[in-house]
PDB file of N, CA and C in Angstrom:
ATOM      1  N   MET A   1     -32.639   0.826  13.155  1.00  0.00           N
ATOM      2  CA  MET A   1     -31.398   1.555  13.258  1.00  0.00           C
ATOM      3  C   MET A   1     -30.355   0.819  14.071  1.00  0.00           C
ATOM      4  N   ARG A   2     -30.695  -0.282  14.655  1.00  0.00           N
ATOM      5  CA  ARG A   2     -29.714  -1.017  15.449  1.00  0.00           C
ATOM      6  C   ARG A   2     -28.687  -1.726  14.571  1.00  0.00           C
ATOM      7  N   ILE A   3     -28.987  -1.900  13.305  1.00  0.00           N
ATOM      8  CA  ILE A   3     -28.037  -2.584  12.428  1.00  0.00           C
ATOM      9  C   ILE A   3     -26.861  -1.676  12.049  1.00  0.00           C
ATOM     10  N   LEU A   4     -27.062  -0.363  12.034  1.00  0.00           N
ATOM     11  CA  LEU A   4     -25.985   0.547  11.644  1.00  0.00           C
ATOM     12  C   LEU A   4     -24.792   0.517  12.584  1.00  0.00           C
ATOM     13  N   PRO A   5     -24.958   0.556  13.902  1.00  0.00           N
ATOM     14  CA  PRO A   5     -23.765   0.505  14.759  1.00  0.00           C
ATOM     15  C   PRO A   5     -22.966  -0.779  14.599  1.00  0.00           C
ATOM     16  N   ARG A   6     -23.630  -1.875  14.277  1.00  0.00           N
ATOM     17  CA  ARG A   6     -22.895  -3.128  14.067  1.00  0.00           C
ATOM     18  C   ARG A   6     -22.183  -3.137  12.717  1.00  0.00           C
ATOM     19  N   ALA A   7     -22.760  -2.489  11.719  1.00  0.00           N
ATOM     20  CA  ALA A   7     -22.180  -2.489  10.380  1.00  0.00           C
ATOM     21  C   ALA A   7     -21.079  -1.450  10.226  1.00  0.00           C
ATOM     22  N   ILE A   8     -21.198  -0.354  10.973  1.00  0.00           N
ATOM     23  CA  ILE A   8     -20.220   0.726  10.856  1.00  0.00           C
ATOM     24  C   ILE A   8     -19.474   0.832  12.181  1.00  0.00           C
ATOM     25  N   ASP A   9     -18.194   0.490  12.163  1.00  0.00           N
ATOM     26  CA  ASP A   9     -17.402   0.596  13.383  1.00  0.00           C
ATOM     27  C   ASP A   9     -16.235   1.553  13.161  1.00  0.00           C
ATOM     28  N   GLU A  10     -15.355   1.630  14.131  1.00  0.00           N
ATOM     29  CA  GLU A  10     -14.243   2.579  14.057  1.00  0.00           C
ATOM     30  C   GLU A  10     -13.281   2.256  12.923  1.00  0.00           C
ATOM     31  N   ARG A  11     -13.085   0.997  12.638  1.00  0.00           N
ATOM     32  CA  ARG A  11     -12.184   0.633  11.527  1.00  0.00           C
ATOM     33  C   ARG A  11     -12.725   1.133  10.200  1.00  0.00           C
ATOM     34  N   PHE A  12     -14.047   1.006   9.996  1.00  0.00           N
ATOM     35  CA  PHE A  12     -14.658   1.497   8.764  1.00  0.00           C
ATOM     36  C   PHE A  12     -14.458   3.004   8.630  1.00  0.00           C
ATOM     37  N   LEU A  13     -14.669   3.736   9.709  1.00  0.00           N
ATOM     38  CA  LEU A  13     -14.498   5.188   9.652  1.00  0.00           C
ATOM     39  C   LEU A  13     -13.034   5.567   9.429  1.00  0.00           C
ATOM     40  N   ALA A  14     -12.108   4.825  10.011  1.00  0.00           N
ATOM     41  CA  ALA A  14     -10.680   5.095   9.793  1.00  0.00           C
ATOM     42  C   ALA A  14     -10.300   4.821   8.338  1.00  0.00           C
ATOM     43  N   TYR A  15     -10.827   3.743   7.751  1.00  0.00           N
ATOM     44  CA  TYR A  15     -10.539   3.443   6.349  1.00  0.00           C
ATOM     45  C   TYR A  15     -11.136   4.510   5.438  1.00  0.00           C
ATOM     46  N   ARG A  16     -12.335   4.974   5.774  1.00  0.00           N
ATOM     47  CA  ARG A  16     -12.976   6.023   4.976  1.00  0.00           C
ATOM     48  C   ARG A  16     -12.176   7.321   5.045  1.00  0.00           C
ATOM     49  N   LEU A  17     -11.677   7.663   6.218  1.00  0.00           N
ATOM     50  CA  LEU A  17     -10.864   8.865   6.376  1.00  0.00           C
ATOM     51  C   LEU A  17      -9.574   8.762   5.562  1.00  0.00           C
ATOM     52  N   LYS A  18      -8.927   7.611   5.640  1.00  0.00           N
ATOM     53  CA  LYS A  18      -7.672   7.416   4.903  1.00  0.00           C
ATOM     54  C   LYS A  18      -7.906   7.432   3.396  1.00  0.00           C
ATOM     55  N   SER A  19      -8.966   6.772   2.932  1.00  0.00           N
ATOM     56  CA  SER A  19      -9.232   6.730   1.488  1.00  0.00           C
ATOM     57  C   SER A  19      -9.622   8.097   0.957  1.00  0.00           C
ATOM     58  N   THR A  20     -10.364   8.871   1.747  1.00  0.00           N
ATOM     59  CA  THR A  20     -10.732  10.220   1.328  1.00  0.00           C
ATOM     60  C   THR A  20      -9.497  11.112   1.251  1.00  0.00           C
ATOM     61  N   SER A  21      -8.594  10.969   2.198  1.00  0.00           N
ATOM     62  CA  SER A  21      -7.358  11.746   2.186  1.00  0.00           C
ATOM     63  C   SER A  21      -6.506  11.396   0.969  1.00  0.00           C
ATOM     64  N   ILE A  22      -6.373  10.117   0.694  1.00  0.00           N
ATOM     65  CA  ILE A  22      -5.590   9.693  -0.470  1.00  0.00           C
ATOM     66  C   ILE A  22      -6.234  10.184  -1.758  1.00  0.00           C
ATOM     67  N   ALA A  23      -7.546  10.110  -1.849  1.00  0.00           N
ATOM     68  CA  ALA A  23      -8.239  10.583  -3.049  1.00  0.00           C
ATOM     69  C   ALA A  23      -8.042  12.076  -3.244  1.00  0.00           C
ATOM     70  N   GLY A  24      -8.075  12.843  -2.170  1.00  0.00           N
ATOM     71  CA  GLY A  24      -7.834  14.282  -2.279  1.00  0.00           C
ATOM     72  C   GLY A  24      -6.423  14.600  -2.728  1.00  0.00           C
ATOM     73  N   ILE A  25      -5.452  13.882  -2.199  1.00  0.00           N
ATOM     74  CA  ILE A  25      -4.058  14.103  -2.591  1.00  0.00           C
ATOM     75  C   ILE A  25      -3.840  13.735  -4.051  1.00  0.00           C
ATOM     76  N   VAL A  26      -4.393  12.609  -4.479  1.00  0.00           N
ATOM     77  CA  VAL A  26      -4.248  12.191  -5.881  1.00  0.00           C
ATOM     78  C   VAL A  26      -4.943  13.173  -6.813  1.00  0.00           C
ATOM     79  N   GLY A  27      -6.127  13.641  -6.435  1.00  0.00           N
ATOM     80  CA  GLY A  27      -6.836  14.625  -7.257  1.00  0.00           C
ATOM     81  C   GLY A  27      -6.072  15.931  -7.366  1.00  0.00           C
ATOM     82  N   GLY A  28      -5.504  16.382  -6.253  1.00  0.00           N
ATOM     83  CA  GLY A  28      -4.691  17.602  -6.276  1.00  0.00           C
ATOM     84  C   GLY A  28      -3.456  17.458  -7.133  1.00  0.00           C
ATOM     85  N   CYS A  29      -2.772  16.331  -6.994  1.00  0.00           N
ATOM     86  CA  CYS A  29      -1.581  16.089  -7.819  1.00  0.00           C
ATOM     87  C   CYS A  29      -1.938  15.991  -9.301  1.00  0.00           C
ATOM     88  N   ALA A  30      -3.084  15.393  -9.607  1.00  0.00           N
ATOM     89  CA  ALA A  30      -3.512  15.306 -11.002  1.00  0.00           C
ATOM     90  C   ALA A  30      -3.819  16.686 -11.568  1.00  0.00           C
ATOM     91  N   ALA A  31      -4.472  17.542 -10.792  1.00  0.00           N
ATOM     92  CA  ALA A  31      -4.778  18.897 -11.263  1.00  0.00           C
ATOM     93  C   ALA A  31      -3.500  19.701 -11.472  1.00  0.00           C
ATOM     94  N   ILE A  32      -2.573  19.611 -10.530  1.00  0.00           N
ATOM     95  CA  ILE A  32      -1.301  20.331 -10.665  1.00  0.00           C
ATOM     96  C   ILE A  32      -0.491  19.789 -11.837  1.00  0.00           C
ATOM     97  N   GLY A  33      -0.480  18.467 -11.986  1.00  0.00           N
ATOM     98  CA  GLY A  33       0.251  17.853 -13.107  1.00  0.00           C
ATOM     99  C   GLY A  33      -0.341  18.231 -14.454  1.00  0.00           C
ATOM    100  N   LEU A  34      -1.647  18.247 -14.560  1.00  0.00           N
ATOM    101  CA  LEU A  34      -2.288  18.640 -15.812  1.00  0.00           C
ATOM    102  C   LEU A  34      -2.038  20.109 -16.125  1.00  0.00           C
ATOM    103  N   PHE A  35      -2.078  20.963 -15.102  1.00  0.00           N
ATOM    104  CA  PHE A  35      -1.757  22.371 -15.310  1.00  0.00           C
ATOM    105  C   PHE A  35      -0.320  22.527 -15.792  1.00  0.00           C
ATOM    106  N   ALA A  36       0.618  21.820 -15.159  1.00  0.00           N
ATOM    107  CA  ALA A  36       2.026  21.908 -15.552  1.00  0.00           C
ATOM    108  C   ALA A  36       2.235  21.378 -16.970  1.00  0.00           C
ATOM    109  N   TYR A  37       1.557  20.290 -17.331  1.00  0.00           N
ATOM    110  CA  TYR A  37       1.681  19.751 -18.684  1.00  0.00           C
ATOM    111  C   TYR A  37       1.200  20.756 -19.722  1.00  0.00           C
ATOM    112  N   ARG A  38       0.038  21.336 -19.460  1.00  0.00           N
ATOM    113  CA  ARG A  38      -0.491  22.308 -20.425  1.00  0.00           C
ATOM    114  C   ARG A  38       0.363  23.558 -20.490  1.00  0.00           C
ATOM    115  N   TYR A  39       0.989  23.934 -19.383  1.00  0.00           N
ATOM    116  CA  TYR A  39       1.842  25.123 -19.390  1.00  0.00           C
ATOM    117  C   TYR A  39       3.167  24.853 -20.109  1.00  0.00           C
ATOM    118  N   TYR A  40       3.820  23.747 -19.794  1.00  0.00           N
ATOM    119  CA  TYR A  40       5.151  23.484 -20.358  1.00  0.00           C
ATOM    120  C   TYR A  40       5.118  22.947 -21.788  1.00  0.00           C
ATOM    121  N   PHE A  41       4.120  22.145 -22.128  1.00  0.00           N
ATOM    122  CA  PHE A  41       4.117  21.525 -23.449  1.00  0.00           C
ATOM    123  C   PHE A  41       3.189  22.213 -24.443  1.00  0.00           C
ATOM    124  N   GLU A  42       2.065  22.728 -23.990  1.00  0.00           N
ATOM    125  CA  GLU A  42       1.132  23.410 -24.890  1.00  0.00           C
ATOM    126  C   GLU A  42       1.253  24.920 -24.811  1.00  0.00           C
ATOM    127  N   HIS A  43       2.022  25.418 -23.833  1.00  0.00           N
ATOM    128  CA  HIS A  43       2.275  26.853 -23.648  1.00  0.00           C
ATOM    129  C   HIS A  43       0.988  27.653 -23.484  1.00  0.00           C
ATOM    130  N   THR A  44       0.043  27.089 -22.731  1.00  0.00           N
ATOM    131  CA  THR A  44      -1.197  27.794 -22.430  1.00  0.00           C
ATOM    132  C   THR A  44      -1.424  27.786 -20.921  1.00  0.00           C
ATOM    133  N   TRP A  45      -1.996  28.881 -20.431  1.00  0.00           N
ATOM    134  CA  TRP A  45      -2.373  28.968 -19.024  1.00  0.00           C
ATOM    135  C   TRP A  45      -3.808  28.485 -18.900  1.00  0.00           C
ATOM    136  N   ASN A  46      -4.011  27.489 -18.076  1.00  0.00           N
ATOM    137  CA  ASN A  46      -5.352  26.989 -17.833  1.00  0.00           C
ATOM    138  C   ASN A  46      -5.765  27.461 -16.441  1.00  0.00           C
ATOM    139  N   TRP A  47      -6.488  28.565 -16.399  1.00  0.00           N
ATOM    140  CA  TRP A  47      -6.766  29.227 -15.129  1.00  0.00           C
ATOM    141  C   TRP A  47      -7.684  28.431 -14.222  1.00  0.00           C
ATOM    142  N   ASP A  48      -8.576  27.622 -14.782  1.00  0.00           N
ATOM    143  CA  ASP A  48      -9.448  26.833 -13.918  1.00  0.00           C
ATOM    144  C   ASP A  48      -8.665  25.760 -13.167  1.00  0.00           C
ATOM    145  N   LEU A  49      -7.709  25.109 -13.829  1.00  0.00           N
ATOM    146  CA  LEU A  49      -6.864  24.132 -13.134  1.00  0.00           C
ATOM    147  C   LEU A  49      -5.958  24.810 -12.113  1.00  0.00           C
ATOM    148  N   PHE A  50      -5.498  26.009 -12.429  1.00  0.00           N
ATOM    149  CA  PHE A  50      -4.678  26.767 -11.488  1.00  0.00           C
ATOM    150  C   PHE A  50      -5.482  27.104 -10.234  1.00  0.00           C
ATOM    151  N   ALA A  51      -6.727  27.514 -10.410  1.00  0.00           N
ATOM    152  CA  ALA A  51      -7.580  27.851  -9.275  1.00  0.00           C
ATOM    153  C   ALA A  51      -7.887  26.614  -8.421  1.00  0.00           C
ATOM    154  N   ILE A  52      -8.147  25.490  -9.074  1.00  0.00           N
ATOM    155  CA  ILE A  52      -8.402  24.250  -8.343  1.00  0.00           C
ATOM    156  C   ILE A  52      -7.168  23.834  -7.555  1.00  0.00           C
ATOM    157  N   SER A  53      -6.007  23.930  -8.167  1.00  0.00           N
ATOM    158  CA  SER A  53      -4.761  23.568  -7.490  1.00  0.00           C
ATOM    159  C   SER A  53      -4.509  24.458  -6.279  1.00  0.00           C
ATOM    160  N   LEU A  54      -4.707  25.759  -6.435  1.00  0.00           N
ATOM    161  CA  LEU A  54      -4.516  26.668  -5.302  1.00  0.00           C
ATOM    162  C   LEU A  54      -5.527  26.410  -4.187  1.00  0.00           C
ATOM    163  N   THR A  55      -6.759  26.078  -4.543  1.00  0.00           N
ATOM    164  CA  THR A  55      -7.772  25.781  -3.543  1.00  0.00           C
ATOM    165  C   THR A  55      -7.404  24.536  -2.744  1.00  0.00           C
ATOM    166  N   ILE A  56      -6.946  23.499  -3.424  1.00  0.00           N
ATOM    167  CA  ILE A  56      -6.574  22.266  -2.735  1.00  0.00           C
ATOM    168  C   ILE A  56      -5.377  22.494  -1.825  1.00  0.00           C
ATOM    169  N   VAL A  57      -4.358  23.181  -2.324  1.00  0.00           N
ATOM    170  CA  VAL A  57      -3.174  23.452  -1.513  1.00  0.00           C
ATOM    171  C   VAL A  57      -3.527  24.357  -0.336  1.00  0.00           C
ATOM    172  N   GLY A  58      -4.343  25.371  -0.564  1.00  0.00           N
ATOM    173  CA  GLY A  58      -4.740  26.269   0.511  1.00  0.00           C
ATOM    174  C   GLY A  58      -5.557  25.568   1.585  1.00  0.00           C
ATOM    175  N   ALA A  59      -6.477  24.704   1.178  1.00  0.00           N
ATOM    176  CA  ALA A  59      -7.288  23.969   2.147  1.00  0.00           C
ATOM    177  C   ALA A  59      -6.425  23.012   2.966  1.00  0.00           C
ATOM    178  N   LYS A  60      -5.479  22.362   2.319  1.00  0.00           N
ATOM    179  CA  LYS A  60      -4.583  21.443   3.033  1.00  0.00           C
ATOM    180  C   LYS A  60      -3.728  22.202   4.047  1.00  0.00           C
ATOM    181  N   LEU A  61      -3.169  23.341   3.642  1.00  0.00           N
ATOM    182  CA  LEU A  61      -2.342  24.122   4.561  1.00  0.00           C
ATOM    183  C   LEU A  61      -3.170  24.705   5.701  1.00  0.00           C
ATOM    184  N   ALA A  62      -4.392  25.137   5.408  1.00  0.00           N
ATOM    185  CA  ALA A  62      -5.254  25.667   6.462  1.00  0.00           C
ATOM    186  C   ALA A  62      -5.622  24.584   7.472  1.00  0.00           C
ATOM    187  N   ALA A  63      -5.925  23.387   6.993  1.00  0.00           N
ATOM    188  CA  ALA A  63      -6.253  22.290   7.904  1.00  0.00           C
ATOM    189  C   ALA A  63      -5.044  21.897   8.746  1.00  0.00           C
ATOM    190  N   MET A  64      -3.864  21.857   8.132  1.00  0.00           N
ATOM    191  CA  MET A  64      -2.657  21.521   8.894  1.00  0.00           C
ATOM    192  C   MET A  64      -2.388  22.573   9.961  1.00  0.00           C
ATOM    193  N   THR A  65      -2.564  23.840   9.620  1.00  0.00           N
ATOM    194  CA  THR A  65      -2.359  24.916  10.601  1.00  0.00           C
ATOM    195  C   THR A  65      -3.382  24.833  11.715  1.00  0.00           C
ATOM    196  N   TRP A  66      -4.647  24.586  11.384  1.00  0.00           N
ATOM    197  CA  TRP A  66      -5.689  24.488  12.385  1.00  0.00           C
ATOM    198  C   TRP A  66      -5.392  23.354  13.376  1.00  0.00           C
ATOM    199  N   TYR A  67      -5.053  22.180  12.844  1.00  0.00           N
ATOM    200  CA  TYR A  67      -4.778  21.045  13.729  1.00  0.00           C
ATOM    201  C   TYR A  67      -3.522  21.275  14.568  1.00  0.00           C
ATOM    202  N   PHE A  68      -2.530  21.942  14.015  1.00  0.00           N
ATOM    203  CA  PHE A  68      -1.309  22.231  14.756  1.00  0.00           C
ATOM    204  C   PHE A  68      -1.571  23.204  15.905  1.00  0.00           C
ATOM    205  N   LEU A  69      -2.366  24.235  15.659  1.00  0.00           N
ATOM    206  CA  LEU A  69      -2.629  25.245  16.682  1.00  0.00           C
ATOM    207  C   LEU A  69      -3.693  24.829  17.696  1.00  0.00           C
ATOM    208  N   SER A  70      -4.576  23.919  17.327  1.00  0.00           N
ATOM    209  CA  SER A  70      -5.653  23.532  18.238  1.00  0.00           C
ATOM    210  C   SER A  70      -5.246  22.449  19.219  1.00  0.00           C
ATOM    211  N   GLU A  71      -4.133  21.787  19.009  1.00  0.00           N
ATOM    212  CA  GLU A  71      -3.716  20.725  19.944  1.00  0.00           C
ATOM    213  C   GLU A  71      -2.739  21.210  20.944  1.00  0.00           C
TER     214      GLU A  71
END
């Protein structure tokens, strides 16, 4: 187990945090964009994409509120 602290340092964890955040934002934007495309061009409501979009936006707002109030 001594090899793990040398292989994983603070820079690696910071890059992982940033990449995970970017991936979440891109995934949320893709879900919202796909929902909007299907609504405006195909004139259908896709409730599963709507639910995913609301979940992502709600989780982001809850995390922002938590970090704002806890500091």
